[in-house]
N, C-alpha and C. Protein backbone atom coordinates (compact mmCIF):
# COMPACT_ATOMS: atom_id res chain seq x y z
N MET A 1 62.94 111.93 -40.50
CA MET A 1 61.78 112.28 -39.69
C MET A 1 61.76 111.50 -38.39
N ASP A 2 62.38 110.30 -38.36
CA ASP A 2 62.32 109.54 -37.12
C ASP A 2 63.01 110.28 -35.99
N ASP A 3 63.94 111.20 -36.28
CA ASP A 3 64.54 112.01 -35.24
C ASP A 3 63.50 112.91 -34.57
N ILE A 4 62.57 113.43 -35.35
CA ILE A 4 61.52 114.28 -34.78
C ILE A 4 60.69 113.50 -33.78
N PHE A 5 60.37 112.24 -34.10
CA PHE A 5 59.57 111.44 -33.18
C PHE A 5 60.33 111.17 -31.89
N ASN A 6 61.63 110.95 -31.98
CA ASN A 6 62.43 110.78 -30.77
C ASN A 6 62.45 112.06 -29.94
N VAL A 7 62.53 113.19 -30.62
CA VAL A 7 62.54 114.47 -29.92
C VAL A 7 61.20 114.70 -29.23
N LEU A 8 60.10 114.40 -29.93
CA LEU A 8 58.76 114.61 -29.36
C LEU A 8 58.42 113.63 -28.25
N ALA A 9 59.17 112.55 -28.14
CA ALA A 9 58.90 111.57 -27.09
C ALA A 9 59.24 112.10 -25.70
N GLU A 10 60.04 113.15 -25.62
CA GLU A 10 60.46 113.72 -24.33
C GLU A 10 59.43 114.73 -23.84
N PRO A 11 58.80 114.50 -22.67
CA PRO A 11 57.75 115.39 -22.17
C PRO A 11 58.20 116.85 -21.97
N ILE A 12 59.41 117.07 -21.53
CA ILE A 12 59.88 118.45 -21.33
C ILE A 12 59.93 119.19 -22.66
N ARG A 13 60.39 118.51 -23.70
CA ARG A 13 60.45 119.15 -25.02
C ARG A 13 59.06 119.47 -25.53
N ARG A 14 58.13 118.55 -25.32
CA ARG A 14 56.75 118.84 -25.75
C ARG A 14 56.19 120.03 -24.99
N GLU A 15 56.49 120.14 -23.71
CA GLU A 15 56.01 121.27 -22.92
C GLU A 15 56.63 122.57 -23.41
N ILE A 16 57.89 122.55 -23.76
CA ILE A 16 58.55 123.74 -24.31
C ILE A 16 57.85 124.15 -25.60
N LEU A 17 57.56 123.18 -26.47
CA LEU A 17 56.86 123.49 -27.73
C LEU A 17 55.49 124.10 -27.47
N VAL A 18 54.77 123.57 -26.50
CA VAL A 18 53.45 124.11 -26.17
C VAL A 18 53.58 125.55 -25.68
N ARG A 19 54.54 125.80 -24.82
CA ARG A 19 54.72 127.17 -24.31
C ARG A 19 55.13 128.14 -25.41
N LEU A 20 55.96 127.69 -26.33
CA LEU A 20 56.33 128.54 -27.46
C LEU A 20 55.13 128.76 -28.38
N ARG A 21 54.33 127.75 -28.56
CA ARG A 21 53.12 127.90 -29.38
C ARG A 21 52.18 128.91 -28.77
N ASN A 22 52.02 128.84 -27.45
CA ASN A 22 51.11 129.76 -26.76
C ASN A 22 51.65 131.19 -26.75
N ALA A 23 52.95 131.34 -26.91
CA ALA A 23 53.56 132.68 -26.94
C ALA A 23 53.49 133.30 -28.33
N ALA A 24 53.15 132.49 -29.34
CA ALA A 24 53.14 132.97 -30.73
C ALA A 24 52.21 134.16 -30.86
N PRO A 25 52.52 135.15 -31.64
CA PRO A 25 53.63 135.18 -32.59
C PRO A 25 54.93 135.67 -31.97
N GLY A 26 54.98 135.92 -30.67
CA GLY A 26 56.19 136.43 -30.05
C GLY A 26 57.19 135.34 -29.72
N ASP A 27 58.34 135.77 -29.25
CA ASP A 27 59.41 134.87 -28.85
C ASP A 27 59.44 134.79 -27.33
N LEU A 28 60.03 133.72 -26.81
CA LEU A 28 60.26 133.59 -25.38
C LEU A 28 61.75 133.54 -25.11
N ALA A 29 62.17 134.25 -24.10
CA ALA A 29 63.57 134.20 -23.67
C ALA A 29 63.80 132.90 -22.91
N VAL A 30 65.03 132.42 -22.92
CA VAL A 30 65.37 131.21 -22.18
C VAL A 30 64.99 131.38 -20.72
N GLY A 31 65.25 132.55 -20.16
CA GLY A 31 64.91 132.80 -18.75
C GLY A 31 63.43 132.66 -18.47
N ASP A 32 62.58 133.08 -19.42
CA ASP A 32 61.14 132.91 -19.25
C ASP A 32 60.76 131.44 -19.19
N LEU A 33 61.39 130.63 -20.05
CA LEU A 33 61.11 129.20 -20.04
C LEU A 33 61.62 128.55 -18.75
N VAL A 34 62.80 128.96 -18.29
CA VAL A 34 63.35 128.43 -17.04
C VAL A 34 62.38 128.69 -15.90
N THR A 35 61.88 129.91 -15.81
CA THR A 35 60.96 130.28 -14.74
C THR A 35 59.65 129.52 -14.85
N SER A 36 59.06 129.48 -16.03
CA SER A 36 57.74 128.85 -16.18
C SER A 36 57.80 127.34 -16.04
N LEU A 37 58.91 126.73 -16.42
CA LEU A 37 59.03 125.28 -16.31
C LEU A 37 59.55 124.83 -14.95
N GLY A 38 60.19 125.74 -14.23
CA GLY A 38 60.75 125.37 -12.93
C GLY A 38 61.95 124.45 -13.04
N LEU A 39 62.69 124.59 -14.13
CA LEU A 39 63.88 123.77 -14.37
C LEU A 39 65.12 124.66 -14.37
N SER A 40 66.28 124.03 -14.30
CA SER A 40 67.52 124.81 -14.33
C SER A 40 67.77 125.32 -15.75
N GLN A 41 68.54 126.39 -15.84
CA GLN A 41 68.88 126.97 -17.15
C GLN A 41 69.64 125.97 -18.02
N PRO A 42 70.63 125.22 -17.48
CA PRO A 42 71.31 124.25 -18.34
C PRO A 42 70.38 123.16 -18.89
N THR A 43 69.41 122.74 -18.09
CA THR A 43 68.47 121.71 -18.54
C THR A 43 67.61 122.24 -19.68
N VAL A 44 67.08 123.44 -19.51
CA VAL A 44 66.23 124.04 -20.55
C VAL A 44 67.06 124.28 -21.81
N SER A 45 68.28 124.77 -21.65
CA SER A 45 69.14 125.03 -22.81
C SER A 45 69.46 123.74 -23.56
N LYS A 46 69.67 122.65 -22.82
CA LYS A 46 69.96 121.35 -23.46
C LYS A 46 68.78 120.93 -24.34
N HIS A 47 67.56 121.05 -23.81
CA HIS A 47 66.38 120.66 -24.57
C HIS A 47 66.14 121.61 -25.75
N LEU A 48 66.41 122.89 -25.57
CA LEU A 48 66.26 123.84 -26.67
C LEU A 48 67.24 123.54 -27.79
N LYS A 49 68.45 123.10 -27.44
CA LYS A 49 69.43 122.74 -28.47
C LYS A 49 68.93 121.57 -29.30
N VAL A 50 68.36 120.56 -28.65
CA VAL A 50 67.82 119.41 -29.38
C VAL A 50 66.69 119.86 -30.30
N LEU A 51 65.80 120.71 -29.77
CA LEU A 51 64.69 121.22 -30.59
C LEU A 51 65.20 122.06 -31.76
N ARG A 52 66.23 122.85 -31.51
CA ARG A 52 66.82 123.69 -32.57
C ARG A 52 67.49 122.81 -33.63
N ASP A 53 68.24 121.79 -33.19
CA ASP A 53 68.93 120.91 -34.14
C ASP A 53 67.95 120.15 -35.04
N THR A 54 66.75 119.91 -34.54
CA THR A 54 65.73 119.21 -35.32
C THR A 54 64.91 120.18 -36.16
N GLY A 55 65.09 121.47 -35.93
CA GLY A 55 64.37 122.48 -36.71
C GLY A 55 63.00 122.82 -36.15
N LEU A 56 62.69 122.32 -34.95
CA LEU A 56 61.37 122.58 -34.36
C LEU A 56 61.27 123.97 -33.74
N VAL A 57 62.41 124.59 -33.43
CA VAL A 57 62.41 125.95 -32.91
C VAL A 57 63.47 126.76 -33.64
N ALA A 58 63.26 128.06 -33.65
CA ALA A 58 64.25 128.99 -34.21
C ALA A 58 64.70 129.91 -33.09
N VAL A 59 65.93 130.38 -33.17
CA VAL A 59 66.48 131.23 -32.13
C VAL A 59 66.85 132.58 -32.73
N ARG A 60 66.65 133.61 -31.91
CA ARG A 60 67.05 134.96 -32.27
C ARG A 60 67.95 135.45 -31.14
N GLU A 61 69.12 135.94 -31.50
CA GLU A 61 70.06 136.42 -30.50
C GLU A 61 69.97 137.94 -30.40
N ASP A 62 69.96 138.42 -29.16
CA ASP A 62 69.96 139.85 -28.89
C ASP A 62 70.95 140.09 -27.76
N GLY A 63 72.18 140.42 -28.14
CA GLY A 63 73.24 140.54 -27.14
C GLY A 63 73.53 139.15 -26.57
N GLN A 64 73.46 139.05 -25.24
CA GLN A 64 73.69 137.75 -24.61
C GLN A 64 72.40 136.97 -24.40
N HIS A 65 71.29 137.53 -24.81
CA HIS A 65 70.00 136.87 -24.63
C HIS A 65 69.62 136.08 -25.88
N ARG A 66 68.94 134.96 -25.65
CA ARG A 66 68.45 134.12 -26.73
C ARG A 66 66.93 134.05 -26.61
N PHE A 67 66.26 134.29 -27.73
CA PHE A 67 64.80 134.24 -27.78
C PHE A 67 64.39 133.15 -28.76
N TYR A 68 63.47 132.30 -28.33
CA TYR A 68 63.05 131.16 -29.13
C TYR A 68 61.61 131.30 -29.57
N ARG A 69 61.34 130.71 -30.75
CA ARG A 69 59.96 130.65 -31.25
C ARG A 69 59.76 129.29 -31.92
N LEU A 70 58.52 128.87 -31.96
CA LEU A 70 58.16 127.60 -32.58
C LEU A 70 58.29 127.71 -34.10
N ASN A 71 58.83 126.67 -34.70
CA ASN A 71 58.86 126.54 -36.16
C ASN A 71 57.89 125.40 -36.49
N PRO A 72 56.68 125.70 -36.96
CA PRO A 72 55.67 124.65 -37.16
C PRO A 72 55.89 123.76 -38.37
N GLU A 73 56.80 124.09 -39.27
CA GLU A 73 56.96 123.30 -40.50
C GLU A 73 57.30 121.83 -40.25
N PRO A 74 58.25 121.49 -39.36
CA PRO A 74 58.51 120.06 -39.13
C PRO A 74 57.30 119.34 -38.52
N LEU A 75 56.50 120.05 -37.74
CA LEU A 75 55.30 119.43 -37.18
C LEU A 75 54.27 119.14 -38.26
N ALA A 76 54.25 119.94 -39.32
CA ALA A 76 53.35 119.68 -40.44
C ALA A 76 53.73 118.36 -41.12
N ALA A 77 55.02 118.07 -41.20
CA ALA A 77 55.46 116.80 -41.77
C ALA A 77 55.01 115.64 -40.90
N VAL A 78 55.10 115.80 -39.58
CA VAL A 78 54.63 114.76 -38.65
C VAL A 78 53.12 114.58 -38.80
N GLU A 79 52.40 115.68 -38.85
CA GLU A 79 50.95 115.62 -39.01
C GLU A 79 50.58 114.92 -40.31
N GLY A 80 51.28 115.26 -41.39
CA GLY A 80 51.01 114.62 -42.67
C GLY A 80 51.24 113.13 -42.61
N TRP A 81 52.29 112.70 -41.94
CA TRP A 81 52.58 111.27 -41.82
C TRP A 81 51.48 110.59 -41.01
N VAL A 82 51.10 111.17 -39.88
CA VAL A 82 50.06 110.57 -39.04
C VAL A 82 48.75 110.48 -39.80
N LEU A 83 48.37 111.55 -40.49
CA LEU A 83 47.13 111.53 -41.27
C LEU A 83 47.20 110.50 -42.39
N GLY A 84 48.37 110.36 -42.99
CA GLY A 84 48.56 109.36 -44.04
C GLY A 84 48.39 107.94 -43.54
N MET A 85 48.73 107.72 -42.28
CA MET A 85 48.56 106.39 -41.69
C MET A 85 47.09 106.07 -41.47
N ASN A 86 46.27 107.08 -41.51
CA ASN A 86 44.86 106.92 -41.18
C ASN A 86 43.97 107.15 -42.39
N ASP A 87 44.53 107.17 -43.61
CA ASP A 87 43.72 107.53 -44.78
C ASP A 87 43.02 106.35 -45.44
N GLY A 88 43.21 105.15 -44.94
CA GLY A 88 42.51 103.99 -45.46
C GLY A 88 43.16 103.34 -46.66
N ARG A 89 44.21 103.94 -47.20
CA ARG A 89 44.90 103.33 -48.34
C ARG A 89 45.93 102.33 -47.84
N PRO A 90 46.19 101.28 -48.58
CA PRO A 90 47.21 100.32 -48.16
C PRO A 90 48.60 100.94 -48.21
N ALA A 91 49.43 100.57 -47.26
CA ALA A 91 50.81 101.06 -47.23
C ALA A 91 51.58 100.41 -48.37
N THR A 92 52.62 101.07 -48.80
CA THR A 92 53.43 100.54 -49.89
C THR A 92 54.88 100.45 -49.47
N ALA A 93 55.58 99.49 -50.03
CA ALA A 93 57.01 99.36 -49.77
C ALA A 93 57.80 99.88 -50.95
N ASP A 94 57.17 100.66 -51.79
CA ASP A 94 57.80 101.22 -52.98
C ASP A 94 58.91 102.18 -52.58
N PRO A 95 60.16 101.91 -52.95
CA PRO A 95 61.26 102.80 -52.55
C PRO A 95 61.16 104.18 -53.18
N GLU A 96 60.31 104.33 -54.21
CA GLU A 96 60.13 105.64 -54.84
C GLU A 96 59.23 106.55 -54.01
N THR A 97 58.54 105.98 -53.02
CA THR A 97 57.68 106.79 -52.16
C THR A 97 58.57 107.59 -51.24
N PRO A 98 58.56 108.92 -51.34
CA PRO A 98 59.54 109.74 -50.61
C PRO A 98 59.48 109.58 -49.10
N THR A 99 58.31 109.37 -48.55
CA THR A 99 58.21 109.29 -47.09
C THR A 99 58.88 108.05 -46.53
N LEU A 100 58.85 106.96 -47.26
CA LEU A 100 59.39 105.72 -46.72
C LEU A 100 60.88 105.79 -46.47
N GLY A 101 61.61 106.52 -47.29
CA GLY A 101 63.03 106.68 -47.05
C GLY A 101 63.30 107.39 -45.73
N LEU A 102 62.38 108.25 -45.33
CA LEU A 102 62.55 108.97 -44.08
C LEU A 102 62.13 108.14 -42.87
N LEU A 103 61.29 107.14 -43.09
CA LEU A 103 60.66 106.46 -41.96
C LEU A 103 61.13 105.04 -41.73
N LYS A 104 62.13 104.57 -42.45
CA LYS A 104 62.56 103.20 -42.21
C LYS A 104 63.09 103.09 -40.79
N ASP A 105 62.90 101.94 -40.20
CA ASP A 105 63.35 101.65 -38.83
C ASP A 105 62.67 102.51 -37.78
N VAL A 106 61.46 102.98 -38.02
CA VAL A 106 60.73 103.76 -37.03
C VAL A 106 60.04 102.81 -36.06
N ASP A 107 60.16 103.07 -34.79
CA ASP A 107 59.45 102.33 -33.76
C ASP A 107 58.00 102.81 -33.76
N VAL A 108 57.12 102.06 -34.44
CA VAL A 108 55.75 102.51 -34.64
C VAL A 108 54.99 102.59 -33.32
N VAL A 109 55.22 101.65 -32.42
CA VAL A 109 54.53 101.68 -31.13
C VAL A 109 54.96 102.92 -30.34
N GLY A 110 56.26 103.15 -30.27
CA GLY A 110 56.76 104.34 -29.58
C GLY A 110 56.30 105.61 -30.25
N LEU A 111 56.24 105.56 -31.57
CA LEU A 111 55.76 106.70 -32.34
C LEU A 111 54.32 107.04 -31.98
N GLY A 112 53.48 106.03 -31.97
CA GLY A 112 52.06 106.26 -31.63
C GLY A 112 51.90 106.83 -30.24
N ARG A 113 52.67 106.30 -29.31
CA ARG A 113 52.60 106.83 -27.94
C ARG A 113 53.08 108.28 -27.88
N ALA A 114 54.18 108.56 -28.56
CA ALA A 114 54.73 109.92 -28.54
C ALA A 114 53.76 110.91 -29.17
N VAL A 115 53.20 110.54 -30.31
CA VAL A 115 52.25 111.44 -30.98
C VAL A 115 51.02 111.64 -30.12
N GLY A 116 50.54 110.57 -29.50
CA GLY A 116 49.37 110.69 -28.62
C GLY A 116 49.64 111.59 -27.44
N ARG A 117 50.81 111.43 -26.81
CA ARG A 117 51.14 112.28 -25.67
C ARG A 117 51.29 113.73 -26.10
N PHE A 118 51.92 113.94 -27.26
CA PHE A 118 52.07 115.31 -27.76
C PHE A 118 50.72 115.92 -28.08
N ALA A 119 49.87 115.18 -28.76
CA ALA A 119 48.54 115.70 -29.11
C ALA A 119 47.74 116.03 -27.85
N ALA A 120 47.88 115.23 -26.81
CA ALA A 120 47.15 115.49 -25.57
C ALA A 120 47.62 116.78 -24.89
N THR A 121 48.89 117.13 -25.07
CA THR A 121 49.37 118.37 -24.46
C THR A 121 48.96 119.58 -25.27
N VAL A 122 48.89 119.43 -26.59
CA VAL A 122 48.53 120.55 -27.45
C VAL A 122 47.02 120.72 -27.54
N PHE A 123 46.31 119.60 -27.57
CA PHE A 123 44.85 119.63 -27.71
C PHE A 123 44.23 118.87 -26.55
N PRO A 124 44.18 119.46 -25.34
CA PRO A 124 43.62 118.74 -24.21
C PRO A 124 42.14 118.46 -24.43
N PRO A 125 41.64 117.35 -23.85
CA PRO A 125 40.23 117.03 -24.03
C PRO A 125 39.35 118.11 -23.39
N PRO A 126 38.18 118.35 -23.97
CA PRO A 126 37.30 119.37 -23.39
C PRO A 126 36.80 118.94 -22.02
N ARG A 127 36.61 119.92 -21.18
CA ARG A 127 36.10 119.63 -19.84
C ARG A 127 34.58 119.61 -19.87
N ALA A 128 34.02 118.73 -19.05
CA ALA A 128 32.57 118.67 -18.95
C ALA A 128 32.07 119.89 -18.23
N PRO A 129 30.93 120.46 -18.67
CA PRO A 129 30.41 121.65 -17.97
C PRO A 129 29.98 121.28 -16.56
N ARG A 130 30.20 122.23 -15.67
CA ARG A 130 29.80 122.00 -14.27
C ARG A 130 28.29 122.12 -14.15
N SER A 131 27.74 121.26 -13.34
CA SER A 131 26.30 121.39 -13.08
C SER A 131 26.14 122.18 -11.79
N GLU A 132 25.23 123.10 -11.83
CA GLU A 132 24.99 123.93 -10.66
C GLU A 132 23.88 123.31 -9.83
N SER A 133 24.17 123.04 -8.58
CA SER A 133 23.14 122.49 -7.69
C SER A 133 22.57 123.62 -6.86
N ARG A 134 21.31 123.55 -6.62
CA ARG A 134 20.63 124.61 -5.87
C ARG A 134 20.12 124.10 -4.58
């Protein structure tokens, strides 16, 4: 799982995930992402490969075109871990605890920052209502 946190630490990858989430349930072509992000095709493809290798996105091929969609299952694992850190129970070093085998050597400070930045992109804070002056 620590690979997912490293992947989510990159702002471009988080933006790609947000755009794929907003396109759900449909897929986005690589060209659509290139245009909307204002990045080169090789740059977008490089980030999509990392996301695909981590299982965060799935690809569908149609001829020479590639269409991507968000795979939310790995994010559920991240969410479960974050919620578990906040459940008030003491942490355990029990090697039988399945999550700990996945999380050894995790940079907790970097993790917190990455999760916070990701959450801010997916769930932006509400805007204050405008007051109308007369």
